[in-house]
């Protein structure tokens, strides 16, 4: 998996842009589409890029219809990579939080713990 952030050559056929959102923060980076790696590596990369190494999170992506689908194993991670065109939109939420997703907006609501 290519772990470098934001390449100038991101228009290459083998490179895919990823735009991830956690809270109010967006990050962009690129991956090799032909060698995306495993989900656990991608999960660790997201934690690194967003500087949340010890936070348990849920990962989802917006499919071509705008539906928010989960990424939690190698199979659905590879499905997300294969259908991303031209951008893979990733949404990250803390466990215990809920994403409200509409075509133009994503908001996170977290449950309060007592």
PDB file of N, CA and C in Angstrom:
ATOM      1  N   UNK A   1       0.849  -1.168   0.000  1.00  0.00           N
ATOM      2  CA  UNK A   1       0.000   0.000   0.000  1.00  0.00           C
ATOM      3  C   UNK A   1       0.889   1.223   0.000  1.00  0.00           C
ATOM      4  N   UNK A   2       0.550   2.185  -0.798  1.00  0.00           N
ATOM      5  CA  UNK A   2       1.297   3.435  -0.875  1.00  0.00           C
ATOM      6  C   UNK A   2       0.885   4.332   0.279  1.00  0.00           C
ATOM      7  N   UNK A   3       1.803   4.632   1.172  1.00  0.00           N
ATOM      8  CA  UNK A   3       1.474   5.401   2.355  1.00  0.00           C
ATOM      9  C   UNK A   3       1.824   6.879   2.245  1.00  0.00           C
ATOM     10  N   UNK A   4       2.266   7.326   1.112  1.00  0.00           N
ATOM     11  CA  UNK A   4       2.619   8.732   1.000  1.00  0.00           C
ATOM     12  C   UNK A   4       1.361   9.566   0.820  1.00  0.00           C
ATOM     13  N   UNK A   5       1.433  10.786   1.267  1.00  0.00           N
ATOM     14  CA  UNK A   5       0.291  11.675   1.242  1.00  0.00           C
ATOM     15  C   UNK A   5       0.327  12.549   0.003  1.00  0.00           C
ATOM     16  N   UNK A   6      -0.768  12.650  -0.671  1.00  0.00           N
ATOM     17  CA  UNK A   6      -1.001  13.597  -1.756  1.00  0.00           C
ATOM     18  C   UNK A   6       0.123  13.675  -2.772  1.00  0.00           C
ATOM     19  N   UNK A   7       0.100  12.832  -3.751  1.00  0.00           N
ATOM     20  CA  UNK A   7       1.108  12.820  -4.800  1.00  0.00           C
ATOM     21  C   UNK A   7       0.719  13.746  -5.940  1.00  0.00           C
ATOM     22  N   UNK A   8       1.705  14.359  -6.559  1.00  0.00           N
ATOM     23  CA  UNK A   8       1.447  15.185  -7.725  1.00  0.00           C
ATOM     24  C   UNK A   8       0.966  14.337  -8.885  1.00  0.00           C
ATOM     25  N   UNK A   9       1.370  13.077  -8.942  1.00  0.00           N
ATOM     26  CA  UNK A   9       0.988  12.192 -10.027  1.00  0.00           C
ATOM     27  C   UNK A   9      -0.276  11.416  -9.751  1.00  0.00           C
ATOM     28  N   UNK A  10      -1.204  11.986  -8.999  1.00  0.00           N
ATOM     29  CA  UNK A  10      -2.391  11.240  -8.606  1.00  0.00           C
ATOM     30  C   UNK A  10      -3.327  10.956  -9.768  1.00  0.00           C
ATOM     31  N   UNK A  11      -3.071  11.541 -10.946  1.00  0.00           N
ATOM     32  CA  UNK A  11      -3.909  11.256 -12.088  1.00  0.00           C
ATOM     33  C   UNK A  11      -3.520   9.976 -12.804  1.00  0.00           C
ATOM     34  N   UNK A  12      -2.506   9.291 -12.345  1.00  0.00           N
ATOM     35  CA  UNK A  12      -2.055   8.054 -12.973  1.00  0.00           C
ATOM     36  C   UNK A  12      -3.166   7.005 -12.908  1.00  0.00           C
ATOM     37  N   UNK A  13      -3.185   6.117 -13.881  1.00  0.00           N
ATOM     38  CA  UNK A  13      -4.219   5.095 -13.922  1.00  0.00           C
ATOM     39  C   UNK A  13      -4.199   4.201 -12.701  1.00  0.00           C
ATOM     40  N   UNK A  14      -3.020   3.911 -12.144  1.00  0.00           N
ATOM     41  CA  UNK A  14      -2.932   3.013 -11.014  1.00  0.00           C
ATOM     42  C   UNK A  14      -3.117   3.679  -9.670  1.00  0.00           C
ATOM     43  N   UNK A  15      -3.231   5.003  -9.652  1.00  0.00           N
ATOM     44  CA  UNK A  15      -3.341   5.719  -8.386  1.00  0.00           C
ATOM     45  C   UNK A  15      -4.760   6.212  -8.176  1.00  0.00           C
ATOM     46  N   UNK A  16      -5.238   6.089  -6.948  1.00  0.00           N
ATOM     47  CA  UNK A  16      -6.585   6.515  -6.598  1.00  0.00           C
ATOM     48  C   UNK A  16      -6.499   7.535  -5.468  1.00  0.00           C
ATOM     49  N   UNK A  17      -7.249   8.608  -5.571  1.00  0.00           N
ATOM     50  CA  UNK A  17      -7.314   9.601  -4.507  1.00  0.00           C
ATOM     51  C   UNK A  17      -8.320   9.148  -3.452  1.00  0.00           C
ATOM     52  N   UNK A  18      -7.974   9.365  -2.191  1.00  0.00           N
ATOM     53  CA  UNK A  18      -8.853   9.065  -1.069  1.00  0.00           C
ATOM     54  C   UNK A  18      -9.091  10.373  -0.318  1.00  0.00           C
ATOM     55  N   UNK A  19     -10.343  10.651  -0.015  1.00  0.00           N
ATOM     56  CA  UNK A  19     -10.695  11.810   0.802  1.00  0.00           C
ATOM     57  C   UNK A  19     -11.407  11.269   2.031  1.00  0.00           C
ATOM     58  N   UNK A  20     -10.790  11.454   3.201  1.00  0.00           N
ATOM     59  CA  UNK A  20     -11.380  10.912   4.421  1.00  0.00           C
ATOM     60  C   UNK A  20     -11.821  12.047   5.332  1.00  0.00           C
ATOM     61  N   UNK A  21     -12.903  11.797   6.063  1.00  0.00           N
ATOM     62  CA  UNK A  21     -13.472  12.785   6.972  1.00  0.00           C
ATOM     63  C   UNK A  21     -13.628  12.163   8.340  1.00  0.00           C
ATOM     64  N   UNK A  22     -13.111  12.848   9.350  1.00  0.00           N
ATOM     65  CA  UNK A  22     -13.300  12.454  10.742  1.00  0.00           C
ATOM     66  C   UNK A  22     -13.659  13.722  11.504  1.00  0.00           C
ATOM     67  N   UNK A  23     -14.861  13.779  12.037  1.00  0.00           N
ATOM     68  CA  UNK A  23     -15.320  15.007  12.673  1.00  0.00           C
ATOM     69  C   UNK A  23     -15.385  16.109  11.636  1.00  0.00           C
ATOM     70  N   UNK A  24     -14.714  17.217  11.922  1.00  0.00           N
ATOM     71  CA  UNK A  24     -14.690  18.350  10.990  1.00  0.00           C
ATOM     72  C   UNK A  24     -13.436  18.351  10.128  1.00  0.00           C
ATOM     73  N   UNK A  25     -12.596  17.336  10.272  1.00  0.00           N
ATOM     74  CA  UNK A  25     -11.320  17.305   9.556  1.00  0.00           C
ATOM     75  C   UNK A  25     -11.384  16.411   8.320  1.00  0.00           C
ATOM     76  N   UNK A  26     -10.866  16.949   7.231  1.00  0.00           N
ATOM     77  CA  UNK A  26     -10.734  16.203   5.992  1.00  0.00           C
ATOM     78  C   UNK A  26      -9.259  15.962   5.727  1.00  0.00           C
ATOM     79  N   UNK A  27      -8.941  14.816   5.180  1.00  0.00           N
ATOM     80  CA  UNK A  27      -7.575  14.495   4.763  1.00  0.00           C
ATOM     81  C   UNK A  27      -7.655  13.885   3.368  1.00  0.00           C
ATOM     82  N   UNK A  28      -6.622  14.141   2.573  1.00  0.00           N
ATOM     83  CA  UNK A  28      -6.516  13.542   1.244  1.00  0.00           C
ATOM     84  C   UNK A  28      -5.178  12.830   1.137  1.00  0.00           C
ATOM     85  N   UNK A  29      -5.207  11.677   0.485  1.00  0.00           N
ATOM     86  CA  UNK A  29      -3.988  10.932   0.205  1.00  0.00           C
ATOM     87  C   UNK A  29      -4.282  10.009  -0.964  1.00  0.00           C
ATOM     88  N   UNK A  30      -3.261   9.352  -1.449  1.00  0.00           N
ATOM     89  CA  UNK A  30      -3.461   8.466  -2.595  1.00  0.00           C
ATOM     90  C   UNK A  30      -3.034   7.046  -2.261  1.00  0.00           C
ATOM     91  N   UNK A  31      -3.635   6.107  -2.987  1.00  0.00           N
ATOM     92  CA  UNK A  31      -3.320   4.681  -2.867  1.00  0.00           C
ATOM     93  C   UNK A  31      -3.128   4.108  -4.262  1.00  0.00           C
ATOM     94  N   UNK A  32      -2.351   3.059  -4.329  1.00  0.00           N
ATOM     95  CA  UNK A  32      -2.237   2.323  -5.577  1.00  0.00           C
ATOM     96  C   UNK A  32      -3.488   1.455  -5.716  1.00  0.00           C
ATOM     97  N   UNK A  33      -4.276   1.716  -6.730  1.00  0.00           N
ATOM     98  CA  UNK A  33      -5.522   0.976  -6.927  1.00  0.00           C
ATOM     99  C   UNK A  33      -5.266  -0.523  -7.117  1.00  0.00           C
ATOM    100  N   UNK A  34      -4.171  -0.860  -7.801  1.00  0.00           N
ATOM    101  CA  UNK A  34      -3.885  -2.266  -8.070  1.00  0.00           C
ATOM    102  C   UNK A  34      -3.307  -2.999  -6.859  1.00  0.00           C
ATOM    103  N   UNK A  35      -2.818  -2.260  -5.858  1.00  0.00           N
ATOM    104  CA  UNK A  35      -2.249  -2.867  -4.645  1.00  0.00           C
ATOM    105  C   UNK A  35      -2.743  -2.123  -3.409  1.00  0.00           C
ATOM    106  N   UNK A  36      -4.036  -2.200  -3.119  1.00  0.00           N
ATOM    107  CA  UNK A  36      -4.560  -1.422  -1.997  1.00  0.00           C
ATOM    108  C   UNK A  36      -4.179  -1.964  -0.621  1.00  0.00           C
ATOM    109  N   UNK A  37      -3.692  -3.201  -0.564  1.00  0.00           N
ATOM    110  CA  UNK A  37      -3.341  -3.796   0.717  1.00  0.00           C
ATOM    111  C   UNK A  37      -4.558  -4.393   1.401  1.00  0.00           C
ATOM    112  N   UNK A  38      -4.423  -4.638   2.683  1.00  0.00           N
ATOM    113  CA  UNK A  38      -5.491  -5.242   3.478  1.00  0.00           C
ATOM    114  C   UNK A  38      -6.222  -4.164   4.276  1.00  0.00           C
ATOM    115  N   UNK A  39      -7.423  -4.502   4.720  1.00  0.00           N
ATOM    116  CA  UNK A  39      -8.231  -3.552   5.486  1.00  0.00           C
ATOM    117  C   UNK A  39      -7.503  -3.082   6.742  1.00  0.00           C
ATOM    118  N   UNK A  40      -6.874  -3.987   7.470  1.00  0.00           N
ATOM    119  CA  UNK A  40      -6.193  -3.600   8.719  1.00  0.00           C
ATOM    120  C   UNK A  40      -5.100  -2.558   8.453  1.00  0.00           C
ATOM    121  N   UNK A  41      -4.389  -2.681   7.335  1.00  0.00           N
ATOM    122  CA  UNK A  41      -3.370  -1.686   6.970  1.00  0.00           C
ATOM    123  C   UNK A  41      -4.024  -0.341   6.671  1.00  0.00           C
ATOM    124  N   UNK A  42      -5.135  -0.373   5.936  1.00  0.00           N
ATOM    125  CA  UNK A  42      -5.871   0.840   5.600  1.00  0.00           C
ATOM    126  C   UNK A  42      -6.419   1.505   6.863  1.00  0.00           C
ATOM    127  N   UNK A  43      -6.951   0.708   7.777  1.00  0.00           N
ATOM    128  CA  UNK A  43      -7.469   1.198   9.053  1.00  0.00           C
ATOM    129  C   UNK A  43      -6.355   1.917   9.832  1.00  0.00           C
ATOM    130  N   UNK A  44      -5.172   1.304   9.892  1.00  0.00           N
ATOM    131  CA  UNK A  44      -4.033   1.919  10.562  1.00  0.00           C
ATOM    132  C   UNK A  44      -3.587   3.203   9.878  1.00  0.00           C
ATOM    133  N   UNK A  45      -3.633   3.214   8.541  1.00  0.00           N
ATOM    134  CA  UNK A  45      -3.281   4.422   7.796  1.00  0.00           C
ATOM    135  C   UNK A  45      -4.253   5.550   8.113  1.00  0.00           C
ATOM    136  N   UNK A  46      -5.551   5.251   8.177  1.00  0.00           N
ATOM    137  CA  UNK A  46      -6.537   6.274   8.524  1.00  0.00           C
ATOM    138  C   UNK A  46      -6.290   6.829   9.926  1.00  0.00           C
ATOM    139  N   UNK A  47      -5.979   5.944  10.878  1.00  0.00           N
ATOM    140  CA  UNK A  47      -5.676   6.404  12.233  1.00  0.00           C
ATOM    141  C   UNK A  47      -4.437   7.292  12.231  1.00  0.00           C
ATOM    142  N   UNK A  48      -3.441   6.937  11.445  1.00  0.00           N
ATOM    143  CA  UNK A  48      -2.209   7.728  11.363  1.00  0.00           C
ATOM    144  C   UNK A  48      -2.470   9.089  10.715  1.00  0.00           C
ATOM    145  N   UNK A  49      -3.149   9.094   9.599  1.00  0.00           N
ATOM    146  CA  UNK A  49      -3.404  10.330   8.860  1.00  0.00           C
ATOM    147  C   UNK A  49      -4.227  11.316   9.690  1.00  0.00           C
ATOM    148  N   UNK A  50      -5.186  10.802  10.459  1.00  0.00           N
ATOM    149  CA  UNK A  50      -6.043  11.663  11.276  1.00  0.00           C
ATOM    150  C   UNK A  50      -5.501  11.863  12.698  1.00  0.00           C
ATOM    151  N   UNK A  51      -4.340  11.271  12.967  1.00  0.00           N
ATOM    152  CA  UNK A  51      -3.693  11.393  14.278  1.00  0.00           C
ATOM    153  C   UNK A  51      -4.605  10.935  15.421  1.00  0.00           C
ATOM    154  N   UNK A  52      -5.193   9.748  15.230  1.00  0.00           N
ATOM    155  CA  UNK A  52      -6.061   9.135  16.245  1.00  0.00           C
ATOM    156  C   UNK A  52      -5.639   7.677  16.461  1.00  0.00           C
ATOM    157  N   UNK A  53      -4.365   7.444  16.847  1.00  0.00           N
ATOM    158  CA  UNK A  53      -3.846   6.067  16.878  1.00  0.00           C
ATOM    159  C   UNK A  53      -4.532   5.138  17.868  1.00  0.00           C
ATOM    160  N   UNK A  54      -5.091   5.640  18.950  1.00  0.00           N
ATOM    161  CA  UNK A  54      -5.679   4.761  19.960  1.00  0.00           C
ATOM    162  C   UNK A  54      -7.191   4.896  20.040  1.00  0.00           C
ATOM    163  N   UNK A  55      -7.809   5.400  18.989  1.00  0.00           N
ATOM    164  CA  UNK A  55      -9.252   5.591  18.967  1.00  0.00           C
ATOM    165  C   UNK A  55      -9.889   4.488  18.120  1.00  0.00           C
ATOM    166  N   UNK A  56     -10.842   3.756  18.711  1.00  0.00           N
ATOM    167  CA  UNK A  56     -11.585   2.747  17.951  1.00  0.00           C
ATOM    168  C   UNK A  56     -12.627   3.457  17.105  1.00  0.00           C
ATOM    169  N   UNK A  57     -12.567   3.210  15.814  1.00  0.00           N
ATOM    170  CA  UNK A  57     -13.465   3.899  14.900  1.00  0.00           C
ATOM    171  C   UNK A  57     -14.154   2.925  13.960  1.00  0.00           C
ATOM    172  N   UNK A  58     -15.233   3.382  13.373  1.00  0.00           N
ATOM    173  CA  UNK A  58     -15.925   2.679  12.311  1.00  0.00           C
ATOM    174  C   UNK A  58     -15.614   3.408  11.023  1.00  0.00           C
ATOM    175  N   UNK A  59     -15.434   2.659   9.950  1.00  0.00           N
ATOM    176  CA  UNK A  59     -15.070   3.232   8.659  1.00  0.00           C
ATOM    177  C   UNK A  59     -16.175   2.913   7.659  1.00  0.00           C
ATOM    178  N   UNK A  60     -16.562   3.929   6.897  1.00  0.00           N
ATOM    179  CA  UNK A  60     -17.555   3.731   5.853  1.00  0.00           C
ATOM    180  C   UNK A  60     -17.143   4.492   4.609  1.00  0.00           C
ATOM    181  N   UNK A  61     -17.831   4.217   3.502  1.00  0.00           N
ATOM    182  CA  UNK A  61     -17.557   4.929   2.266  1.00  0.00           C
ATOM    183  C   UNK A  61     -18.860   5.233   1.560  1.00  0.00           C
ATOM    184  N   UNK A  62     -18.822   6.275   0.735  1.00  0.00           N
ATOM    185  CA  UNK A  62     -19.984   6.623  -0.071  1.00  0.00           C
ATOM    186  C   UNK A  62     -19.858   5.899  -1.405  1.00  0.00           C
ATOM    187  N   UNK A  63     -20.866   5.090  -1.741  1.00  0.00           N
ATOM    188  CA  UNK A  63     -20.825   4.376  -3.017  1.00  0.00           C
ATOM    189  C   UNK A  63     -21.278   5.304  -4.147  1.00  0.00           C
ATOM    190  N   UNK A  64     -21.365   4.778  -5.356  1.00  0.00           N
ATOM    191  CA  UNK A  64     -21.679   5.619  -6.517  1.00  0.00           C
ATOM    192  C   UNK A  64     -23.087   6.206  -6.448  1.00  0.00           C
ATOM    193  N   UNK A  65     -23.960   5.632  -5.623  1.00  0.00           N
ATOM    194  CA  UNK A  65     -25.319   6.147  -5.453  1.00  0.00           C
ATOM    195  C   UNK A  65     -25.423   7.114  -4.285  1.00  0.00           C
ATOM    196  N   UNK A  66     -24.313   7.327  -3.568  1.00  0.00           N
ATOM    197  CA  UNK A  66     -24.318   8.216  -2.408  1.00  0.00           C
ATOM    198  C   UNK A  66     -24.689   7.534  -1.116  1.00  0.00           C
ATOM    199  N   UNK A  67     -24.891   6.211  -1.151  1.00  0.00           N
ATOM    200  CA  UNK A  67     -25.212   5.465   0.065  1.00  0.00           C
ATOM    201  C   UNK A  67     -23.951   5.264   0.889  1.00  0.00           C
ATOM    202  N   UNK A  68     -24.091   5.312   2.207  1.00  0.00           N
ATOM    203  CA  UNK A  68     -22.963   5.090   3.105  1.00  0.00           C
ATOM    204  C   UNK A  68     -22.901   3.610   3.457  1.00  0.00           C
ATOM    205  N   UNK A  69     -21.793   2.959   3.073  1.00  0.00           N
ATOM    206  CA  UNK A  69     -21.612   1.529   3.298  1.00  0.00           C
ATOM    207  C   UNK A  69     -20.409   1.298   4.199  1.00  0.00           C
ATOM    208  N   UNK A  70     -20.439   0.234   5.007  1.00  0.00           N
ATOM    209  CA  UNK A  70     -19.330  -0.021   5.931  1.00  0.00           C
ATOM    210  C   UNK A  70     -18.114  -0.626   5.246  1.00  0.00           C
ATOM    211  N   UNK A  71     -16.967  -0.343   5.821  1.00  0.00           N
ATOM    212  CA  UNK A  71     -15.729  -1.036   5.464  1.00  0.00           C
ATOM    213  C   UNK A  71     -15.197  -1.607   6.766  1.00  0.00           C
ATOM    214  N   UNK A  72     -15.250  -2.943   6.886  1.00  0.00           N
ATOM    215  CA  UNK A  72     -14.793  -3.572   8.125  1.00  0.00           C
ATOM    216  C   UNK A  72     -14.071  -4.889   7.896  1.00  0.00           C
ATOM    217  N   UNK A  73     -13.793  -5.203   6.616  1.00  0.00           N
ATOM    218  CA  UNK A  73     -13.021  -6.409   6.305  1.00  0.00           C
ATOM    219  C   UNK A  73     -12.399  -6.242   4.920  1.00  0.00           C
ATOM    220  N   UNK A  74     -11.563  -7.195   4.540  1.00  0.00           N
ATOM    221  CA  UNK A  74     -10.868  -7.098   3.254  1.00  0.00           C
ATOM    222  C   UNK A  74     -11.834  -7.081   2.072  1.00  0.00           C
ATOM    223  N   UNK A  75     -12.905  -7.863   2.142  1.00  0.00           N
ATOM    224  CA  UNK A  75     -13.830  -7.953   1.015  1.00  0.00           C
ATOM    225  C   UNK A  75     -14.508  -6.616   0.714  1.00  0.00           C
ATOM    226  N   UNK A  76     -15.111  -5.997   1.745  1.00  0.00           N
ATOM    227  CA  UNK A  76     -15.791  -4.736   1.429  1.00  0.00           C
ATOM    228  C   UNK A  76     -14.815  -3.572   1.245  1.00  0.00           C
ATOM    229  N   UNK A  77     -13.596  -3.688   1.785  1.00  0.00           N
ATOM    230  CA  UNK A  77     -12.562  -2.696   1.483  1.00  0.00           C
ATOM    231  C   UNK A  77     -12.187  -2.760   0.007  1.00  0.00           C
ATOM    232  N   UNK A  78     -11.953  -3.950  -0.513  1.00  0.00           N
ATOM    233  CA  UNK A  78     -11.597  -4.102  -1.933  1.00  0.00           C
ATOM    234  C   UNK A  78     -12.758  -3.707  -2.841  1.00  0.00           C
ATOM    235  N   UNK A  79     -13.989  -3.940  -2.410  1.00  0.00           N
ATOM    236  CA  UNK A  79     -15.156  -3.497  -3.174  1.00  0.00           C
ATOM    237  C   UNK A  79     -15.178  -1.968  -3.247  1.00  0.00           C
ATOM    238  N   UNK A  80     -14.899  -1.302  -2.128  1.00  0.00           N
ATOM    239  CA  UNK A  80     -14.868   0.162  -2.105  1.00  0.00           C
ATOM    240  C   UNK A  80     -13.795   0.696  -3.050  1.00  0.00           C
ATOM    241  N   UNK A  81     -12.619   0.078  -3.027  1.00  0.00           N
ATOM    242  CA  UNK A  81     -11.514   0.502  -3.892  1.00  0.00           C
ATOM    243  C   UNK A  81     -11.877   0.286  -5.359  1.00  0.00           C
ATOM    244  N   UNK A  82     -12.472  -0.843  -5.658  1.00  0.00           N
ATOM    245  CA  UNK A  82     -12.767  -1.162  -7.060  1.00  0.00           C
ATOM    246  C   UNK A  82     -13.874  -0.294  -7.641  1.00  0.00           C
ATOM    247  N   UNK A  83     -14.763   0.230  -6.811  1.00  0.00           N
ATOM    248  CA  UNK A  83     -15.865   1.050  -7.317  1.00  0.00           C
ATOM    249  C   UNK A  83     -15.586   2.547  -7.218  1.00  0.00           C
ATOM    250  N   UNK A  84     -14.497   2.935  -6.594  1.00  0.00           N
ATOM    251  CA  UNK A  84     -14.164   4.365  -6.460  1.00  0.00           C
ATOM    252  C   UNK A  84     -13.827   4.947  -7.824  1.00  0.00           C
ATOM    253  N   UNK A  85     -14.544   5.989  -8.187  1.00  0.00           N
ATOM    254  CA  UNK A  85     -14.285   6.608  -9.481  1.00  0.00           C
ATOM    255  C   UNK A  85     -14.686   8.071  -9.452  1.00  0.00           C
ATOM    256  N   UNK A  86     -13.825   8.991  -9.465  1.00  0.00           N
ATOM    257  CA  UNK A  86     -12.368   8.863  -9.404  1.00  0.00           C
ATOM    258  C   UNK A  86     -11.846   8.927  -7.974  1.00  0.00           C
ATOM    259  N   UNK A  87     -12.737   9.181  -7.026  1.00  0.00           N
ATOM    260  CA  UNK A  87     -12.346   9.460  -5.643  1.00  0.00           C
ATOM    261  C   UNK A  87     -13.031   8.474  -4.712  1.00  0.00           C
ATOM    262  N   UNK A  88     -12.291   7.983  -3.716  1.00  0.00           N
ATOM    263  CA  UNK A  88     -12.869   7.159  -2.663  1.00  0.00           C
ATOM    264  C   UNK A  88     -13.158   8.072  -1.479  1.00  0.00           C
ATOM    265  N   UNK A  89     -14.434   8.254  -1.165  1.00  0.00           N
ATOM    266  CA  UNK A  89     -14.846   9.118  -0.047  1.00  0.00           C
ATOM    267  C   UNK A  89     -15.051   8.254   1.192  1.00  0.00           C
ATOM    268  N   UNK A  90     -14.229   8.511   2.210  1.00  0.00           N
ATOM    269  CA  UNK A  90     -14.243   7.733   3.447  1.00  0.00           C
ATOM    270  C   UNK A  90     -14.796   8.582   4.579  1.00  0.00           C
ATOM    271  N   UNK A  91     -15.667   7.982   5.392  1.00  0.00           N
ATOM    272  CA  UNK A  91     -16.212   8.637   6.573  1.00  0.00           C
ATOM    273  C   UNK A  91     -15.822   7.805   7.785  1.00  0.00           C
ATOM    274  N   UNK A  92     -15.245   8.461   8.766  1.00  0.00           N
ATOM    275  CA  UNK A  92     -14.767   7.787   9.968  1.00  0.00           C
ATOM    276  C   UNK A  92     -15.564   8.319  11.145  1.00  0.00           C
ATOM    277  N   UNK A  93     -16.009   7.413  12.004  1.00  0.00           N
ATOM    278  CA  UNK A  93     -16.729   7.836  13.202  1.00  0.00           C
ATOM    279  C   UNK A  93     -16.242   7.032  14.391  1.00  0.00           C
ATOM    280  N   UNK A  94     -16.272   7.665  15.550  1.00  0.00           N
ATOM    281  CA  UNK A  94     -15.945   6.947  16.775  1.00  0.00           C
ATOM    282  C   UNK A  94     -17.025   5.920  17.021  1.00  0.00           C
ATOM    283  N   UNK A  95     -16.633   4.791  17.586  1.00  0.00           N
ATOM    284  CA  UNK A  95     -17.637   3.799  17.967  1.00  0.00           C
ATOM    285  C   UNK A  95     -18.533   4.449  19.021  1.00  0.00           C
ATOM    286  N   UNK A  96     -19.824   4.222  18.918  1.00  0.00           N
ATOM    287  CA  UNK A  96     -20.788   4.860  19.815  1.00  0.00           C
ATOM    288  C   UNK A  96     -21.368   6.134  19.232  1.00  0.00           C
ATOM    289  N   UNK A  97     -20.954   6.492  18.026  1.00  0.00           N
ATOM    290  CA  UNK A  97     -21.478   7.671  17.346  1.00  0.00           C
ATOM    291  C   UNK A  97     -22.274   7.221  16.127  1.00  0.00           C
ATOM    292  N   UNK A  98     -23.154   8.088  15.669  1.00  0.00           N
ATOM    293  CA  UNK A  98     -24.002   7.784  14.526  1.00  0.00           C
ATOM    294  C   UNK A  98     -23.800   8.855  13.468  1.00  0.00           C
ATOM    295  N   UNK A  99     -23.648   8.425  12.219  1.00  0.00           N
ATOM    296  CA  UNK A  99     -23.543   9.364  11.099  1.00  0.00           C
ATOM    297  C   UNK A  99     -24.915   9.545  10.476  1.00  0.00           C
ATOM    298  N   UNK A 100     -25.280  10.810  10.252  1.00  0.00           N
ATOM    299  CA  UNK A 100     -26.456  11.118   9.447  1.00  0.00           C
ATOM    300  C   UNK A 100     -25.928  11.515   8.089  1.00  0.00           C
ATOM    301  N   UNK A 101     -26.360  10.813   7.063  1.00  0.00           N
ATOM    302  CA  UNK A 101     -25.798  11.007   5.732  1.00  0.00           C
ATOM    303  C   UNK A 101     -26.901  11.383   4.766  1.00  0.00           C
ATOM    304  N   UNK A 102     -26.734  12.517   4.100  1.00  0.00           N
ATOM    305  CA  UNK A 102     -27.596  12.880   2.986  1.00  0.00           C
ATOM    306  C   UNK A 102     -26.694  13.122   1.791  1.00  0.00           C
ATOM    307  N   UNK A 103     -27.269  13.380   0.649  1.00  0.00           N
ATOM    308  CA  UNK A 103     -26.465  13.500  -0.571  1.00  0.00           C
ATOM    309  C   UNK A 103     -25.374  14.567  -0.443  1.00  0.00           C
ATOM    310  N   UNK A 104     -25.644  15.672   0.233  1.00  0.00           N
ATOM    311  CA  UNK A 104     -24.685  16.779   0.296  1.00  0.00           C
ATOM    312  C   UNK A 104     -24.085  17.016   1.673  1.00  0.00           C
ATOM    313  N   UNK A 105     -24.429  16.194   2.661  1.00  0.00           N
ATOM    314  CA  UNK A 105     -23.995  16.501   4.014  1.00  0.00           C
ATOM    315  C   UNK A 105     -23.842  15.229   4.842  1.00  0.00           C
ATOM    316  N   UNK A 106     -22.841  15.220   5.702  1.00  0.00           N
ATOM    317  CA  UNK A 106     -22.660  14.142   6.662  1.00  0.00           C
ATOM    318  C   UNK A 106     -22.440  14.782   8.022  1.00  0.00           C
ATOM    319  N   UNK A 107     -23.234  14.378   9.009  1.00  0.00           N
ATOM    320  CA  UNK A 107     -23.095  14.898  10.369  1.00  0.00           C
ATOM    321  C   UNK A 107     -22.961  13.732  11.337  1.00  0.00           C
ATOM    322  N   UNK A 108     -22.159  13.907  12.399  1.00  0.00           N
ATOM    323  CA  UNK A 108     -21.949  12.863  13.386  1.00  0.00           C
ATOM    324  C   UNK A 108     -22.588  13.284  14.702  1.00  0.00           C
ATOM    325  N   UNK A 109     -23.343  12.377  15.308  1.00  0.00           N
ATOM    326  CA  UNK A 109     -23.918  12.583  16.623  1.00  0.00           C
ATOM    327  C   UNK A 109     -23.414  11.470  17.529  1.00  0.00           C
ATOM    328  N   UNK A 110     -22.802  11.849  18.653  1.00  0.00           N
ATOM    329  CA  UNK A 110     -22.262  10.857  19.580  1.00  0.00           C
ATOM    330  C   UNK A 110     -23.174  10.696  20.765  1.00  0.00           C
ATOM    331  N   UNK A 111     -23.294   9.456  21.222  1.00  0.00           N
ATOM    332  CA  UNK A 111     -24.082   9.163  22.409  1.00  0.00           C
ATOM    333  C   UNK A 111     -23.277   9.581  23.630  1.00  0.00           C
ATOM    334  N   UNK A 112     -23.948  10.206  24.558  1.00  0.00           N
ATOM    335  CA  UNK A 112     -23.277  10.634  25.789  1.00  0.00           C
ATOM    336  C   UNK A 112     -23.212   9.469  26.760  1.00  0.00           C
ATOM    337  N   UNK A 113     -22.061   9.325  27.388  1.00  0.00           N
ATOM    338  CA  UNK A 113     -21.918   8.267  28.389  1.00  0.00           C
ATOM    339  C   UNK A 113     -22.103   8.879  29.763  1.00  0.00           C
ATOM    340  N   UNK A 114     -22.703   8.106  30.669  1.00  0.00           N
ATOM    341  CA  UNK A 114     -22.936   8.597  32.026  1.00  0.00           C
ATOM    342  C   UNK A 114     -21.809   8.230  32.932  1.00  0.00           C
TER     343      UNK A 114
END
